[in-house]
Amino acid sequence: MKKILTISFLILSLLITGCLGTRKITIEAGEDEIVSCPKRAKPGETVTIETVIVNDADLYLFVNGVALDPIKEGFYQFEMPDQDIRIKVVVKSNGLA
């Protein structure tokens, strides 16, 4: 019985420590335009966000109020800071439709 408790404690400890040291990523606006975005990341980790591709508008992605340039169409990256962050996506018509 003691062996089972020890193993259970070790597994629980590993699960808990996996979440420690990470920061929260919150989608503040434009959730429908985001294809994939992690909910948490460790400081210093490269975070990749995938968005929909728009043809008749311009899509802007902001991290804590700072606009990011895409690394390629529909993909954005940034280094996770040592704080929680907010993601905002804005789509504006470009008059080409």
PDB file of N, CA and C in Angstrom:
ATOM      1  N   MET A   1       0.827  -1.194   0.000  1.00  0.00           N
ATOM      2  CA  MET A   1       0.000   0.000   0.000  1.00  0.00           C
ATOM      3  C   MET A   1       0.867   1.252   0.000  1.00  0.00           C
ATOM      4  N   LYS A   2       1.953   1.200   0.776  1.00  0.00           N
ATOM      5  CA  LYS A   2       2.837   2.361   0.868  1.00  0.00           C
ATOM      6  C   LYS A   2       3.469   2.655  -0.493  1.00  0.00           C
ATOM      7  N   LYS A   3       3.782   1.610  -1.249  1.00  0.00           N
ATOM      8  CA  LYS A   3       4.380   1.766  -2.566  1.00  0.00           C
ATOM      9  C   LYS A   3       3.396   2.450  -3.524  1.00  0.00           C
ATOM     10  N   ILE A   4       2.129   2.081  -3.461  1.00  0.00           N
ATOM     11  CA  ILE A   4       1.101   2.687  -4.316  1.00  0.00           C
ATOM     12  C   ILE A   4       0.949   4.160  -3.986  1.00  0.00           C
ATOM     13  N   LEU A   5       0.943   4.509  -2.707  1.00  0.00           N
ATOM     14  CA  LEU A   5       0.837   5.900  -2.286  1.00  0.00           C
ATOM     15  C   LEU A   5       2.039   6.710  -2.759  1.00  0.00           C
ATOM     16  N   THR A   6       3.219   6.142  -2.669  1.00  0.00           N
ATOM     17  CA  THR A   6       4.427   6.828  -3.101  1.00  0.00           C
ATOM     18  C   THR A   6       4.389   7.089  -4.608  1.00  0.00           C
ATOM     19  N   ILE A   7       3.998   6.101  -5.377  1.00  0.00           N
ATOM     20  CA  ILE A   7       3.907   6.248  -6.830  1.00  0.00           C
ATOM     21  C   ILE A   7       2.831   7.273  -7.188  1.00  0.00           C
ATOM     22  N   SER A   8       1.695   7.221  -6.515  1.00  0.00           N
ATOM     23  CA  SER A   8       0.621   8.196  -6.757  1.00  0.00           C
ATOM     24  C   SER A   8       1.091   9.611  -6.448  1.00  0.00           C
ATOM     25  N   PHE A   9       1.813   9.775  -5.352  1.00  0.00           N
ATOM     26  CA  PHE A   9       2.339  11.084  -4.982  1.00  0.00           C
ATOM     27  C   PHE A   9       3.315  11.597  -6.040  1.00  0.00           C
ATOM     28  N   LEU A  10       4.187  10.749  -6.541  1.00  0.00           N
ATOM     29  CA  LEU A  10       5.154  11.150  -7.563  1.00  0.00           C
ATOM     30  C   LEU A  10       4.454  11.563  -8.852  1.00  0.00           C
ATOM     31  N   ILE A  11       3.452  10.826  -9.265  1.00  0.00           N
ATOM     32  CA  ILE A  11       2.701  11.163 -10.486  1.00  0.00           C
ATOM     33  C   ILE A  11       1.984  12.494 -10.305  1.00  0.00           C
ATOM     34  N   LEU A  12       1.340  12.679  -9.164  1.00  0.00           N
ATOM     35  CA  LEU A  12       0.646  13.934  -8.883  1.00  0.00           C
ATOM     36  C   LEU A  12       1.623  15.101  -8.866  1.00  0.00           C
ATOM     37  N   SER A  13       2.778  14.914  -8.276  1.00  0.00           N
ATOM     38  CA  SER A  13       3.797  15.970  -8.232  1.00  0.00           C
ATOM     39  C   SER A  13       4.253  16.358  -9.632  1.00  0.00           C
ATOM     40  N   LEU A  14       4.452  15.375 -10.484  1.00  0.00           N
ATOM     41  CA  LEU A  14       4.870  15.659 -11.851  1.00  0.00           C
ATOM     42  C   LEU A  14       3.796  16.426 -12.611  1.00  0.00           C
ATOM     43  N   LEU A  15       2.545  16.069 -12.413  1.00  0.00           N
ATOM     44  CA  LEU A  15       1.452  16.775 -13.078  1.00  0.00           C
ATOM     45  C   LEU A  15       1.349  18.216 -12.605  1.00  0.00           C
ATOM     46  N   ILE A  16       1.495  18.431 -11.328  1.00  0.00           N
ATOM     47  CA  ILE A  16       1.396  19.784 -10.775  1.00  0.00           C
ATOM     48  C   ILE A  16       2.571  20.645 -11.220  1.00  0.00           C
ATOM     49  N   THR A  17       3.774  20.140 -11.165  1.00  0.00           N
ATOM     50  CA  THR A  17       4.944  20.944 -11.531  1.00  0.00           C
ATOM     51  C   THR A  17       4.982  21.239 -13.020  1.00  0.00           C
ATOM     52  N   GLY A  18       4.286  20.465 -13.824  1.00  0.00           N
ATOM     53  CA  GLY A  18       4.220  20.753 -15.254  1.00  0.00           C
ATOM     54  C   GLY A  18       3.506  22.065 -15.537  1.00  0.00           C
ATOM     55  N   CYS A  19       2.595  22.468 -14.675  1.00  0.00           N
ATOM     56  CA  CYS A  19       1.854  23.722 -14.850  1.00  0.00           C
ATOM     57  C   CYS A  19       2.547  24.899 -14.177  1.00  0.00           C
ATOM     58  N   LEU A  20       3.423  24.615 -13.250  1.00  0.00           N
ATOM     59  CA  LEU A  20       4.118  25.703 -12.562  1.00  0.00           C
ATOM     60  C   LEU A  20       5.126  26.361 -13.495  1.00  0.00           C
ATOM     61  N   GLY A  21       5.294  27.650 -13.328  1.00  0.00           N
ATOM     62  CA  GLY A  21       6.267  28.363 -14.146  1.00  0.00           C
ATOM     63  C   GLY A  21       5.724  28.792 -15.490  1.00  0.00           C
ATOM     64  N   THR A  22       4.452  28.523 -15.749  1.00  0.00           N
ATOM     65  CA  THR A  22       3.866  28.963 -17.009  1.00  0.00           C
ATOM     66  C   THR A  22       3.033  30.212 -16.776  1.00  0.00           C
ATOM     67  N   ARG A  23       2.823  30.944 -17.851  1.00  0.00           N
ATOM     68  CA  ARG A  23       2.006  32.161 -17.804  1.00  0.00           C
ATOM     69  C   ARG A  23       0.785  31.960 -18.689  1.00  0.00           C
ATOM     70  N   LYS A  24      -0.277  32.646 -18.356  1.00  0.00           N
ATOM     71  CA  LYS A  24      -1.559  32.484 -19.031  1.00  0.00           C
ATOM     72  C   LYS A  24      -1.631  33.321 -20.310  1.00  0.00           C
ATOM     73  N   ILE A  25      -2.221  32.743 -21.354  1.00  0.00           N
ATOM     74  CA  ILE A  25      -2.487  33.437 -22.611  1.00  0.00           C
ATOM     75  C   ILE A  25      -3.997  33.516 -22.761  1.00  0.00           C
ATOM     76  N   THR A  26      -4.526  34.735 -22.785  1.00  0.00           N
ATOM     77  CA  THR A  26      -5.962  34.954 -22.879  1.00  0.00           C
ATOM     78  C   THR A  26      -6.300  35.607 -24.205  1.00  0.00           C
ATOM     79  N   ILE A  27      -7.303  35.077 -24.889  1.00  0.00           N
ATOM     80  CA  ILE A  27      -7.786  35.708 -26.120  1.00  0.00           C
ATOM     81  C   ILE A  27      -8.862  36.703 -25.716  1.00  0.00           C
ATOM     82  N   GLU A  28      -8.526  37.964 -25.880  1.00  0.00           N
ATOM     83  CA  GLU A  28      -9.396  39.056 -25.447  1.00  0.00           C
ATOM     84  C   GLU A  28     -10.469  39.370 -26.493  1.00  0.00           C
ATOM     85  N   ALA A  29     -10.106  39.292 -27.767  1.00  0.00           N
ATOM     86  CA  ALA A  29     -11.036  39.601 -28.849  1.00  0.00           C
ATOM     87  C   ALA A  29     -10.585  38.879 -30.114  1.00  0.00           C
ATOM     88  N   GLY A  30     -11.557  38.487 -30.936  1.00  0.00           N
ATOM     89  CA  GLY A  30     -11.241  37.848 -32.209  1.00  0.00           C
ATOM     90  C   GLY A  30     -11.025  36.357 -32.129  1.00  0.00           C
ATOM     91  N   GLU A  31     -11.634  35.718 -31.156  1.00  0.00           N
ATOM     92  CA  GLU A  31     -11.449  34.277 -30.971  1.00  0.00           C
ATOM     93  C   GLU A  31     -11.840  33.478 -32.219  1.00  0.00           C
ATOM     94  N   ASP A  32     -12.833  33.955 -32.970  1.00  0.00           N
ATOM     95  CA  ASP A  32     -13.273  33.246 -34.169  1.00  0.00           C
ATOM     96  C   ASP A  32     -12.222  33.273 -35.277  1.00  0.00           C
ATOM     97  N   GLU A  33     -11.313  34.219 -35.236  1.00  0.00           N
ATOM     98  CA  GLU A  33     -10.270  34.323 -36.256  1.00  0.00           C
ATOM     99  C   GLU A  33      -9.013  33.521 -35.899  1.00  0.00           C
ATOM    100  N   ILE A  34      -8.963  32.948 -34.715  1.00  0.00           N
ATOM    101  CA  ILE A  34      -7.791  32.186 -34.285  1.00  0.00           C
ATOM    102  C   ILE A  34      -8.037  30.702 -34.504  1.00  0.00           C
ATOM    103  N   VAL A  35      -7.118  30.074 -35.256  1.00  0.00           N
ATOM    104  CA  VAL A  35      -7.189  28.637 -35.529  1.00  0.00           C
ATOM    105  C   VAL A  35      -6.573  27.860 -34.378  1.00  0.00           C
ATOM    106  N   SER A  36      -5.386  28.301 -33.921  1.00  0.00           N
ATOM    107  CA  SER A  36      -4.731  27.632 -32.799  1.00  0.00           C
ATOM    108  C   SER A  36      -3.898  28.631 -32.004  1.00  0.00           C
ATOM    109  N   CYS A  37      -3.958  28.459 -30.685  1.00  0.00           N
ATOM    110  CA  CYS A  37      -3.213  29.312 -29.764  1.00  0.00           C
ATOM    111  C   CYS A  37      -3.118  28.568 -28.438  1.00  0.00           C
ATOM    112  N   PRO A  38      -1.912  28.430 -27.879  1.00  0.00           N
ATOM    113  CA  PRO A  38      -1.816  27.753 -26.586  1.00  0.00           C
ATOM    114  C   PRO A  38      -2.470  28.587 -25.483  1.00  0.00           C
ATOM    115  N   LYS A  39      -2.889  27.932 -24.435  1.00  0.00           N
ATOM    116  CA  LYS A  39      -3.504  28.629 -23.302  1.00  0.00           C
ATOM    117  C   LYS A  39      -2.465  29.062 -22.273  1.00  0.00           C
ATOM    118  N   ARG A  40      -1.296  28.429 -22.281  1.00  0.00           N
ATOM    119  CA  ARG A  40      -0.219  28.744 -21.333  1.00  0.00           C
ATOM    120  C   ARG A  40       1.121  28.540 -22.028  1.00  0.00           C
ATOM    121  N   ALA A  41       2.147  29.240 -21.528  1.00  0.00           N
ATOM    122  CA  ALA A  41       3.507  29.055 -22.040  1.00  0.00           C
ATOM    123  C   ALA A  41       4.490  29.490 -20.961  1.00  0.00           C
ATOM    124  N   LYS A  42       5.682  28.939 -21.024  1.00  0.00           N
ATOM    125  CA  LYS A  42       6.738  29.299 -20.083  1.00  0.00           C
ATOM    126  C   LYS A  42       7.464  30.547 -20.586  1.00  0.00           C
ATOM    127  N   PRO A  43       7.902  31.413 -19.682  1.00  0.00           N
ATOM    128  CA  PRO A  43       8.681  32.581 -20.105  1.00  0.00           C
ATOM    129  C   PRO A  43       9.891  32.161 -20.939  1.00  0.00           C
ATOM    130  N   GLY A  44      10.107  32.883 -22.042  1.00  0.00           N
ATOM    131  CA  GLY A  44      11.216  32.578 -22.940  1.00  0.00           C
ATOM    132  C   GLY A  44      10.854  31.602 -24.044  1.00  0.00           C
ATOM    133  N   GLU A  45       9.737  30.935 -23.919  1.00  0.00           N
ATOM    134  CA  GLU A  45       9.288  29.966 -24.929  1.00  0.00           C
ATOM    135  C   GLU A  45       8.739  30.709 -26.146  1.00  0.00           C
ATOM    136  N   THR A  46       8.983  30.172 -27.337  1.00  0.00           N
ATOM    137  CA  THR A  46       8.424  30.746 -28.551  1.00  0.00           C
ATOM    138  C   THR A  46       6.983  30.272 -28.698  1.00  0.00           C
ATOM    139  N   VAL A  47       6.069  31.234 -28.800  1.00  0.00           N
ATOM    140  CA  VAL A  47       4.645  30.944 -28.928  1.00  0.00           C
ATOM    141  C   VAL A  47       4.241  31.205 -30.373  1.00  0.00           C
ATOM    142  N   THR A  48       3.562  30.248 -30.989  1.00  0.00           N
ATOM    143  CA  THR A  48       3.066  30.393 -32.358  1.00  0.00           C
ATOM    144  C   THR A  48       1.545  30.426 -32.320  1.00  0.00           C
ATOM    145  N   ILE A  49       0.985  31.416 -33.006  1.00  0.00           N
ATOM    146  CA  ILE A  49      -0.463  31.552 -33.119  1.00  0.00           C
ATOM    147  C   ILE A  49      -0.820  31.468 -34.597  1.00  0.00           C
ATOM    148  N   GLU A  50      -1.811  30.633 -34.904  1.00  0.00           N
ATOM    149  CA  GLU A  50      -2.299  30.515 -36.281  1.00  0.00           C
ATOM    150  C   GLU A  50      -3.664  31.177 -36.368  1.00  0.00           C
ATOM    151  N   THR A  51      -3.831  32.022 -37.386  1.00  0.00           N
ATOM    152  CA  THR A  51      -5.112  32.692 -37.605  1.00  0.00           C
ATOM    153  C   THR A  51      -5.698  32.257 -38.946  1.00  0.00           C
ATOM    154  N   VAL A  52      -6.960  32.614 -39.139  1.00  0.00           N
ATOM    155  CA  VAL A  52      -7.569  32.398 -40.449  1.00  0.00           C
ATOM    156  C   VAL A  52      -6.878  33.324 -41.451  1.00  0.00           C
ATOM    157  N   ILE A  53      -7.023  33.017 -42.713  1.00  0.00           N
ATOM    158  CA  ILE A  53      -6.485  33.879 -43.772  1.00  0.00           C
ATOM    159  C   ILE A  53      -7.668  34.616 -44.385  1.00  0.00           C
ATOM    160  N   VAL A  54      -7.567  35.938 -44.417  1.00  0.00           N
ATOM    161  CA  VAL A  54      -8.653  36.746 -44.978  1.00  0.00           C
ATOM    162  C   VAL A  54      -8.212  37.284 -46.337  1.00  0.00           C
ATOM    163  N   ASN A  55      -9.141  37.311 -47.294  1.00  0.00           N
ATOM    164  CA  ASN A  55      -8.817  37.760 -48.648  1.00  0.00           C
ATOM    165  C   ASN A  55      -9.291  39.174 -48.938  1.00  0.00           C
ATOM    166  N   ASP A  56     -10.371  39.596 -48.318  1.00  0.00           N
ATOM    167  CA  ASP A  56     -10.939  40.899 -48.635  1.00  0.00           C
ATOM    168  C   ASP A  56     -10.886  41.861 -47.448  1.00  0.00           C
ATOM    169  N   ALA A  57      -9.917  41.629 -46.560  1.00  0.00           N
ATOM    170  CA  ALA A  57      -9.756  42.475 -45.377  1.00  0.00           C
ATOM    171  C   ALA A  57      -8.320  42.348 -44.887  1.00  0.00           C
ATOM    172  N   ASP A  58      -7.987  43.151 -43.895  1.00  0.00           N
ATOM    173  CA  ASP A  58      -6.660  43.069 -43.264  1.00  0.00           C
ATOM    174  C   ASP A  58      -6.843  42.568 -41.844  1.00  0.00           C
ATOM    175  N   LEU A  59      -6.004  41.615 -41.449  1.00  0.00           N
ATOM    176  CA  LEU A  59      -6.062  41.048 -40.111  1.00  0.00           C
ATOM    177  C   LEU A  59      -4.870  41.550 -39.320  1.00  0.00           C
ATOM    178  N   TYR A  60      -5.139  42.028 -38.124  1.00  0.00           N
ATOM    179  CA  TYR A  60      -4.090  42.522 -37.230  1.00  0.00           C
ATOM    180  C   TYR A  60      -4.150  41.724 -35.937  1.00  0.00           C
ATOM    181  N   LEU A  61      -2.985  41.276 -35.459  1.00  0.00           N
ATOM    182  CA  LEU A  61      -2.902  40.535 -34.208  1.00  0.00           C
ATOM    183  C   LEU A  61      -2.073  41.350 -33.231  1.00  0.00           C
ATOM    184  N   PHE A  62      -2.618  41.532 -32.037  1.00  0.00           N
ATOM    185  CA  PHE A  62      -1.956  42.314 -30.991  1.00  0.00           C
ATOM    186  C   PHE A  62      -1.670  41.429 -29.787  1.00  0.00           C
ATOM    187  N   VAL A  63      -0.476  41.570 -29.226  1.00  0.00           N
ATOM    188  CA  VAL A  63      -0.093  40.900 -27.983  1.00  0.00           C
ATOM    189  C   VAL A  63       0.158  42.002 -26.968  1.00  0.00           C
ATOM    190  N   ASN A  64      -0.675  42.045 -25.939  1.00  0.00           N
ATOM    191  CA  ASN A  64      -0.601  43.106 -24.923  1.00  0.00           C
ATOM    192  C   ASN A  64      -0.558  44.486 -25.561  1.00  0.00           C
ATOM    193  N   GLY A  65      -1.355  44.670 -26.617  1.00  0.00           N
ATOM    194  CA  GLY A  65      -1.477  45.974 -27.263  1.00  0.00           C
ATOM    195  C   GLY A  65      -0.442  46.275 -28.329  1.00  0.00           C
ATOM    196  N   VAL A  66       0.515  45.386 -28.534  1.00  0.00           N
ATOM    197  CA  VAL A  66       1.565  45.586 -29.536  1.00  0.00           C
ATOM    198  C   VAL A  66       1.259  44.727 -30.758  1.00  0.00           C
ATOM    199  N   ALA A  67       1.191  45.369 -31.937  1.00  0.00           N
ATOM    200  CA  ALA A  67       0.894  44.642 -33.172  1.00  0.00           C
ATOM    201  C   ALA A  67       2.078  43.759 -33.567  1.00  0.00           C
ATOM    202  N   LEU A  68       1.767  42.538 -34.001  1.00  0.00           N
ATOM    203  CA  LEU A  68       2.797  41.620 -34.502  1.00  0.00           C
ATOM    204  C   LEU A  68       2.703  41.529 -36.012  1.00  0.00           C
ATOM    205  N   ASP A  69       3.837  41.364 -36.659  1.00  0.00           N
ATOM    206  CA  ASP A  69       3.873  41.078 -38.090  1.00  0.00           C
ATOM    207  C   ASP A  69       3.864  39.566 -38.263  1.00  0.00           C
ATOM    208  N   PRO A  70       3.164  39.064 -39.275  1.00  0.00           N
ATOM    209  CA  PRO A  70       3.136  37.614 -39.472  1.00  0.00           C
ATOM    210  C   PRO A  70       4.501  37.097 -39.941  1.00  0.00           C
ATOM    211  N   ILE A  71       4.851  35.880 -39.507  1.00  0.00           N
ATOM    212  CA  ILE A  71       6.086  35.253 -39.994  1.00  0.00           C
ATOM    213  C   ILE A  71       5.836  34.647 -41.371  1.00  0.00           C
ATOM    214  N   LYS A  72       4.605  34.260 -41.625  1.00  0.00           N
ATOM    215  CA  LYS A  72       4.094  33.866 -42.939  1.00  0.00           C
ATOM    216  C   LYS A  72       2.592  34.028 -42.847  1.00  0.00           C
ATOM    217  N   GLU A  73       1.913  33.957 -43.954  1.00  0.00           N
ATOM    218  CA  GLU A  73       0.482  34.235 -43.965  1.00  0.00           C
ATOM    219  C   GLU A  73      -0.273  33.366 -42.949  1.00  0.00           C
ATOM    220  N   GLY A  74      -0.930  34.038 -41.998  1.00  0.00           N
ATOM    221  CA  GLY A  74      -1.727  33.344 -41.006  1.00  0.00           C
ATOM    222  C   GLY A  74      -0.977  32.828 -39.794  1.00  0.00           C
ATOM    223  N   PHE A  75       0.332  33.101 -39.680  1.00  0.00           N
ATOM    224  CA  PHE A  75       1.128  32.616 -38.551  1.00  0.00           C
ATOM    225  C   PHE A  75       1.897  33.766 -37.905  1.00  0.00           C
ATOM    226  N   TYR A  76       1.809  33.824 -36.575  1.00  0.00           N
ATOM    227  CA  TYR A  76       2.471  34.864 -35.790  1.00  0.00           C
ATOM    228  C   TYR A  76       3.265  34.188 -34.677  1.00  0.00           C
ATOM    229  N   GLN A  77       4.404  34.778 -34.323  1.00  0.00           N
ATOM    230  CA  GLN A  77       5.219  34.234 -33.236  1.00  0.00           C
ATOM    231  C   GLN A  77       5.717  35.358 -32.344  1.00  0.00           C
ATOM    232  N   PHE A  78       5.906  35.006 -31.073  1.00  0.00           N
ATOM    233  CA  PHE A  78       6.521  35.922 -30.122  1.00  0.00           C
ATOM    234  C   PHE A  78       7.144  35.105 -29.003  1.00  0.00           C
ATOM    235  N   GLU A  79       8.047  35.733 -28.277  1.00  0.00           N
ATOM    236  CA  GLU A  79       8.657  35.083 -27.126  1.00  0.00           C
ATOM    237  C   GLU A  79       7.819  35.411 -25.899  1.00  0.00           C
ATOM    238  N   MET A  80       7.430  34.380 -25.184  1.00  0.00           N
ATOM    239  CA  MET A  80       6.567  34.563 -24.017  1.00  0.00           C
ATOM    240  C   MET A  80       7.301  35.343 -22.945  1.00  0.00           C
ATOM    241  N   PRO A  81       6.724  36.476 -22.511  1.00  0.00           N
ATOM    242  CA  PRO A  81       7.334  37.233 -21.426  1.00  0.00           C
ATOM    243  C   PRO A  81       7.031  36.584 -20.078  1.00  0.00           C
ATOM    244  N   ASP A  82       7.617  37.105 -19.030  1.00  0.00           N
ATOM    245  CA  ASP A  82       7.391  36.585 -17.688  1.00  0.00           C
ATOM    246  C   ASP A  82       6.163  37.267 -17.073  1.00  0.00           C
ATOM    247  N   GLN A  83       5.065  37.226 -17.806  1.00  0.00           N
ATOM    248  CA  GLN A  83       3.791  37.781 -17.351  1.00  0.00           C
ATOM    249  C   GLN A  83       2.673  37.179 -18.184  1.00  0.00           C
ATOM    250  N   ASP A  84       1.454  37.247 -17.685  1.00  0.00           N
ATOM    251  CA  ASP A  84       0.295  36.818 -18.456  1.00  0.00           C
ATOM    252  C   ASP A  84       0.113  37.778 -19.622  1.00  0.00           C
ATOM    253  N   ILE A  85      -0.431  37.277 -20.735  1.00  0.00           N
ATOM    254  CA  ILE A  85      -0.630  38.146 -21.899  1.00  0.00           C
ATOM    255  C   ILE A  85      -2.057  38.051 -22.415  1.00  0.00           C
ATOM    256  N   ARG A  86      -2.419  39.071 -23.200  1.00  0.00           N
ATOM    257  CA  ARG A  86      -3.732  39.148 -23.828  1.00  0.00           C
ATOM    258  C   ARG A  86      -3.538  39.219 -25.338  1.00  0.00           C
ATOM    259  N   ILE A  87      -4.299  38.426 -26.064  1.00  0.00           N
ATOM    260  CA  ILE A  87      -4.269  38.410 -27.523  1.00  0.00           C
ATOM    261  C   ILE A  87      -5.542  39.085 -28.024  1.00  0.00           C
ATOM    262  N   LYS A  88      -5.372  39.946 -29.023  1.00  0.00           N
ATOM    263  CA  LYS A  88      -6.528  40.596 -29.642  1.00  0.00           C
ATOM    264  C   LYS A  88      -6.342  40.536 -31.149  1.00  0.00           C
ATOM    265  N   VAL A  89      -7.390  40.102 -31.855  1.00  0.00           N
ATOM    266  CA  VAL A  89      -7.367  40.059 -33.317  1.00  0.00           C
ATOM    267  C   VAL A  89      -8.417  41.047 -33.827  1.00  0.00           C
ATOM    268  N   VAL A  90      -7.993  41.876 -34.774  1.00  0.00           N
ATOM    269  CA  VAL A  90      -8.884  42.853 -35.380  1.00  0.00           C
ATOM    270  C   VAL A  90      -8.860  42.628 -36.886  1.00  0.00           C
ATOM    271  N   VAL A  91     -10.044  42.554 -37.497  1.00  0.00           N
ATOM    272  CA  VAL A  91     -10.158  42.429 -38.954  1.00  0.00           C
ATOM    273  C   VAL A  91     -10.822  43.698 -39.460  1.00  0.00           C
ATOM    274  N   LYS A  92     -10.128  44.371 -40.415  1.00  0.00           N
ATOM    275  CA  LYS A  92     -10.669  45.617 -40.989  1.00  0.00           C
ATOM    276  C   LYS A  92     -10.805  45.448 -42.483  1.00  0.00           C
ATOM    277  N   SER A  93     -11.927  45.891 -43.008  1.00  0.00           N
ATOM    278  CA  SER A  93     -12.154  45.845 -44.443  1.00  0.00           C
ATOM    279  C   SER A  93     -11.106  46.729 -45.134  1.00  0.00           C
ATOM    280  N   ASN A  94     -10.570  46.233 -46.245  1.00  0.00           N
ATOM    281  CA  ASN A  94      -9.582  47.019 -46.981  1.00  0.00           C
ATOM    282  C   ASN A  94     -10.174  47.626 -48.258  1.00  0.00           C
ATOM    283  N   GLY A  95     -11.468  47.505 -48.447  1.00  0.00           N
ATOM    284  CA  GLY A  95     -12.140  48.105 -49.592  1.00  0.00           C
ATOM    285  C   GLY A  95     -11.985  47.344 -50.893  1.00  0.00           C
ATOM    286  N   LEU A  96     -11.410  46.145 -50.853  1.00  0.00           N
ATOM    287  CA  LEU A  96     -11.203  45.364 -52.066  1.00  0.00           C
ATOM    288  C   LEU A  96     -12.353  44.408 -52.356  1.00  0.00           C
ATOM    289  N   ALA A  97     -13.295  44.329 -51.440  1.00  0.00           N
ATOM    290  CA  ALA A  97     -14.415  43.385 -51.634  1.00  0.00           C
ATOM    291  C   ALA A  97     -15.480  43.987 -52.518  1.00  0.00           C
TER     292      ALA A  97
END
